[in-house]
Amino acid sequence: MPDYTVSFRRSAEKELRKLDTKVQTRVLHAVEPLAKNPRPDGCKKL
């Protein structure tokens, strides 16, 4: 399976920058795996 690119809208980037550094890191570590597997087990399509 090919790797995907995870990108954020400008508005989401602004909101992410407002968060505490530790929280930013947690969010980015949670999102990074989505580039390899964008539909992990147990996810719900929104």
PDB file of N, CA and C in Angstrom:
ATOM      1  N   MET A   1       0.851  -1.177   0.000  1.00  0.00           N
ATOM      2  CA  MET A   1       0.000   0.000   0.000  1.00  0.00           C
ATOM      3  C   MET A   1       0.900   1.245   0.000  1.00  0.00           C
ATOM      4  N   PRO A   2       0.632   2.199  -0.883  1.00  0.00           N
ATOM      5  CA  PRO A   2       1.454   3.411  -0.935  1.00  0.00           C
ATOM      6  C   PRO A   2       1.207   4.310   0.272  1.00  0.00           C
ATOM      7  N   ASP A   3       2.214   5.106   0.578  1.00  0.00           N
ATOM      8  CA  ASP A   3       2.063   6.080   1.655  1.00  0.00           C
ATOM      9  C   ASP A   3       1.214   7.244   1.168  1.00  0.00           C
ATOM     10  N   TYR A   4       0.479   7.821   2.083  1.00  0.00           N
ATOM     11  CA  TYR A   4      -0.339   8.987   1.805  1.00  0.00           C
ATOM     12  C   TYR A   4       0.322  10.212   2.422  1.00  0.00           C
ATOM     13  N   THR A   5      -0.178  11.356   2.089  1.00  0.00           N
ATOM     14  CA  THR A   5       0.294  12.602   2.685  1.00  0.00           C
ATOM     15  C   THR A   5      -0.794  13.137   3.596  1.00  0.00           C
ATOM     16  N   VAL A   6      -0.412  13.428   4.815  1.00  0.00           N
ATOM     17  CA  VAL A   6      -1.351  14.023   5.760  1.00  0.00           C
ATOM     18  C   VAL A   6      -1.096  15.523   5.750  1.00  0.00           C
ATOM     19  N   SER A   7      -2.141  16.285   5.509  1.00  0.00           N
ATOM     20  CA  SER A   7      -1.999  17.735   5.499  1.00  0.00           C
ATOM     21  C   SER A   7      -3.102  18.352   6.347  1.00  0.00           C
ATOM     22  N   PHE A   8      -2.838  19.556   6.797  1.00  0.00           N
ATOM     23  CA  PHE A   8      -3.785  20.286   7.633  1.00  0.00           C
ATOM     24  C   PHE A   8      -4.233  21.536   6.890  1.00  0.00           C
ATOM     25  N   ARG A   9      -5.473  21.898   7.082  1.00  0.00           N
ATOM     26  CA  ARG A   9      -5.932  23.185   6.559  1.00  0.00           C
ATOM     27  C   ARG A   9      -5.247  24.285   7.361  1.00  0.00           C
ATOM     28  N   ARG A  10      -5.186  25.449   6.773  1.00  0.00           N
ATOM     29  CA  ARG A  10      -4.549  26.575   7.459  1.00  0.00           C
ATOM     30  C   ARG A  10      -5.208  26.851   8.808  1.00  0.00           C
ATOM     31  N   SER A  11      -6.517  26.752   8.853  1.00  0.00           N
ATOM     32  CA  SER A  11      -7.231  27.012  10.105  1.00  0.00           C
ATOM     33  C   SER A  11      -6.867  25.974  11.171  1.00  0.00           C
ATOM     34  N   ALA A  12      -6.685  24.732  10.764  1.00  0.00           N
ATOM     35  CA  ALA A  12      -6.296  23.690  11.709  1.00  0.00           C
ATOM     36  C   ALA A  12      -4.865  23.907  12.192  1.00  0.00           C
ATOM     37  N   GLU A  13      -3.988  24.349  11.298  1.00  0.00           N
ATOM     38  CA  GLU A  13      -2.607  24.653  11.701  1.00  0.00           C
ATOM     39  C   GLU A  13      -2.578  25.762  12.745  1.00  0.00           C
ATOM     40  N   LYS A  14      -3.405  26.789  12.541  1.00  0.00           N
ATOM     41  CA  LYS A  14      -3.462  27.888  13.507  1.00  0.00           C
ATOM     42  C   LYS A  14      -3.928  27.388  14.869  1.00  0.00           C
ATOM     43  N   GLU A  15      -4.948  26.554  14.866  1.00  0.00           N
ATOM     44  CA  GLU A  15      -5.460  26.015  16.124  1.00  0.00           C
ATOM     45  C   GLU A  15      -4.420  25.123  16.793  1.00  0.00           C
ATOM     46  N   LEU A  16      -3.713  24.347  16.006  1.00  0.00           N
ATOM     47  CA  LEU A  16      -2.683  23.467  16.552  1.00  0.00           C
ATOM     48  C   LEU A  16      -1.568  24.281  17.199  1.00  0.00           C
ATOM     49  N   ARG A  17      -1.193  25.387  16.572  1.00  0.00           N
ATOM     50  CA  ARG A  17      -0.134  26.249  17.129  1.00  0.00           C
ATOM     51  C   ARG A  17      -0.537  26.873  18.464  1.00  0.00           C
ATOM     52  N   LYS A  18      -1.836  27.039  18.679  1.00  0.00           N
ATOM     53  CA  LYS A  18      -2.320  27.638  19.927  1.00  0.00           C
ATOM     54  C   LYS A  18      -2.225  26.675  21.109  1.00  0.00           C
ATOM     55  N   LEU A  19      -2.109  25.385  20.802  1.00  0.00           N
ATOM     56  CA  LEU A  19      -2.070  24.383  21.857  1.00  0.00           C
ATOM     57  C   LEU A  19      -0.703  24.340  22.541  1.00  0.00           C
ATOM     58  N   ASP A  20      -0.698  23.797  23.744  1.00  0.00           N
ATOM     59  CA  ASP A  20       0.533  23.581  24.485  1.00  0.00           C
ATOM     60  C   ASP A  20       1.443  22.656  23.672  1.00  0.00           C
ATOM     61  N   THR A  21       2.751  22.833  23.788  1.00  0.00           N
ATOM     62  CA  THR A  21       3.707  22.051  23.016  1.00  0.00           C
ATOM     63  C   THR A  21       3.524  20.551  23.224  1.00  0.00           C
ATOM     64  N   LYS A  22       3.265  20.137  24.452  1.00  0.00           N
ATOM     65  CA  LYS A  22       3.074  18.707  24.722  1.00  0.00           C
ATOM     66  C   LYS A  22       1.841  18.178  23.994  1.00  0.00           C
ATOM     67  N   VAL A  23       0.785  18.967  23.968  1.00  0.00           N
ATOM     68  CA  VAL A  23      -0.444  18.555  23.293  1.00  0.00           C
ATOM     69  C   VAL A  23      -0.218  18.524  21.782  1.00  0.00           C
ATOM     70  N   GLN A  24       0.500  19.497  21.251  1.00  0.00           N
ATOM     71  CA  GLN A  24       0.829  19.510  19.827  1.00  0.00           C
ATOM     72  C   GLN A  24       1.548  18.220  19.445  1.00  0.00           C
ATOM     73  N   THR A  25       2.521  17.843  20.256  1.00  0.00           N
ATOM     74  CA  THR A  25       3.293  16.630  19.996  1.00  0.00           C
ATOM     75  C   THR A  25       2.398  15.401  20.016  1.00  0.00           C
ATOM     76  N   ARG A  26       1.495  15.324  20.980  1.00  0.00           N
ATOM     77  CA  ARG A  26       0.584  14.180  21.069  1.00  0.00           C
ATOM     78  C   ARG A  26      -0.308  14.089  19.830  1.00  0.00           C
ATOM     79  N   VAL A  27      -0.813  15.234  19.377  1.00  0.00           N
ATOM     80  CA  VAL A  27      -1.687  15.257  18.207  1.00  0.00           C
ATOM     81  C   VAL A  27      -0.908  14.801  16.969  1.00  0.00           C
ATOM     82  N   LEU A  28       0.278  15.344  16.787  1.00  0.00           N
ATOM     83  CA  LEU A  28       1.066  14.994  15.609  1.00  0.00           C
ATOM     84  C   LEU A  28       1.468  13.519  15.615  1.00  0.00           C
ATOM     85  N   HIS A  29       1.807  12.984  16.791  1.00  0.00           N
ATOM     86  CA  HIS A  29       2.147  11.557  16.879  1.00  0.00           C
ATOM     87  C   HIS A  29       0.924  10.678  16.598  1.00  0.00           C
ATOM     88  N   ALA A  30      -0.256  11.162  16.913  1.00  0.00           N
ATOM     89  CA  ALA A  30      -1.474  10.398  16.636  1.00  0.00           C
ATOM     90  C   ALA A  30      -1.845  10.450  15.161  1.00  0.00           C
ATOM     91  N   VAL A  31      -1.505  11.552  14.494  1.00  0.00           N
ATOM     92  CA  VAL A  31      -1.884  11.744  13.095  1.00  0.00           C
ATOM     93  C   VAL A  31      -0.867  11.105  12.140  1.00  0.00           C
ATOM     94  N   GLU A  32       0.396  11.095  12.503  1.00  0.00           N
ATOM     95  CA  GLU A  32       1.445  10.577  11.616  1.00  0.00           C
ATOM     96  C   GLU A  32       1.165   9.173  11.082  1.00  0.00           C
ATOM     97  N   PRO A  33       0.710   8.232  11.900  1.00  0.00           N
ATOM     98  CA  PRO A  33       0.452   6.877  11.383  1.00  0.00           C
ATOM     99  C   PRO A  33      -0.620   6.828  10.290  1.00  0.00           C
ATOM    100  N   LEU A  34      -1.446   7.853  10.192  1.00  0.00           N
ATOM    101  CA  LEU A  34      -2.488   7.874   9.162  1.00  0.00           C
ATOM    102  C   LEU A  34      -1.904   7.945   7.753  1.00  0.00           C
ATOM    103  N   ALA A  35      -0.650   8.367   7.628  1.00  0.00           N
ATOM    104  CA  ALA A  35      -0.003   8.399   6.317  1.00  0.00           C
ATOM    105  C   ALA A  35       0.249   6.982   5.806  1.00  0.00           C
ATOM    106  N   LYS A  36       0.455   6.049   6.712  1.00  0.00           N
ATOM    107  CA  LYS A  36       0.678   4.644   6.328  1.00  0.00           C
ATOM    108  C   LYS A  36      -0.641   3.886   6.213  1.00  0.00           C
ATOM    109  N   ASN A  37      -1.561   4.163   7.149  1.00  0.00           N
ATOM    110  CA  ASN A  37      -2.832   3.444   7.184  1.00  0.00           C
ATOM    111  C   ASN A  37      -3.946   4.450   7.489  1.00  0.00           C
ATOM    112  N   PRO A  38      -4.543   5.048   6.458  1.00  0.00           N
ATOM    113  CA  PRO A  38      -5.541   6.095   6.669  1.00  0.00           C
ATOM    114  C   PRO A  38      -6.863   5.587   7.235  1.00  0.00           C
ATOM    115  N   ARG A  39      -7.070   4.293   7.219  1.00  0.00           N
ATOM    116  CA  ARG A  39      -8.311   3.716   7.757  1.00  0.00           C
ATOM    117  C   ARG A  39      -7.986   2.600   8.749  1.00  0.00           C
ATOM    118  N   PRO A  40      -7.458   2.953   9.932  1.00  0.00           N
ATOM    119  CA  PRO A  40      -7.100   1.910  10.902  1.00  0.00           C
ATOM    120  C   PRO A  40      -8.335   1.180  11.417  1.00  0.00           C
ATOM    121  N   ASP A  41      -8.134  -0.025  11.932  1.00  0.00           N
ATOM    122  CA  ASP A  41      -9.233  -0.812  12.485  1.00  0.00           C
ATOM    123  C   ASP A  41      -9.969  -0.002  13.552  1.00  0.00           C
ATOM    124  N   GLY A  42     -11.280  -0.074  13.517  1.00  0.00           N
ATOM    125  CA  GLY A  42     -12.103   0.588  14.524  1.00  0.00           C
ATOM    126  C   GLY A  42     -12.453   2.031  14.205  1.00  0.00           C
ATOM    127  N   CYS A  43     -11.944   2.571  13.092  1.00  0.00           N
ATOM    128  CA  CYS A  43     -12.254   3.972  12.775  1.00  0.00           C
ATOM    129  C   CYS A  43     -13.657   4.055  12.171  1.00  0.00           C
ATOM    130  N   LYS A  44     -14.259   5.215  12.315  1.00  0.00           N
ATOM    131  CA  LYS A  44     -15.576   5.463  11.744  1.00  0.00           C
ATOM    132  C   LYS A  44     -15.442   6.526  10.668  1.00  0.00           C
ATOM    133  N   LYS A  45     -16.094   6.310   9.549  1.00  0.00           N
ATOM    134  CA  LYS A  45     -16.082   7.303   8.487  1.00  0.00           C
ATOM    135  C   LYS A  45     -16.977   8.458   8.911  1.00  0.00           C
ATOM    136  N   LEU A  46     -16.446   9.659   8.844  1.00  0.00           N
ATOM    137  CA  LEU A  46     -17.215  10.842   9.244  1.00  0.00           C
ATOM    138  C   LEU A  46     -17.783  11.548   8.032  1.00  0.00           C
TER     139      LEU A  46
END
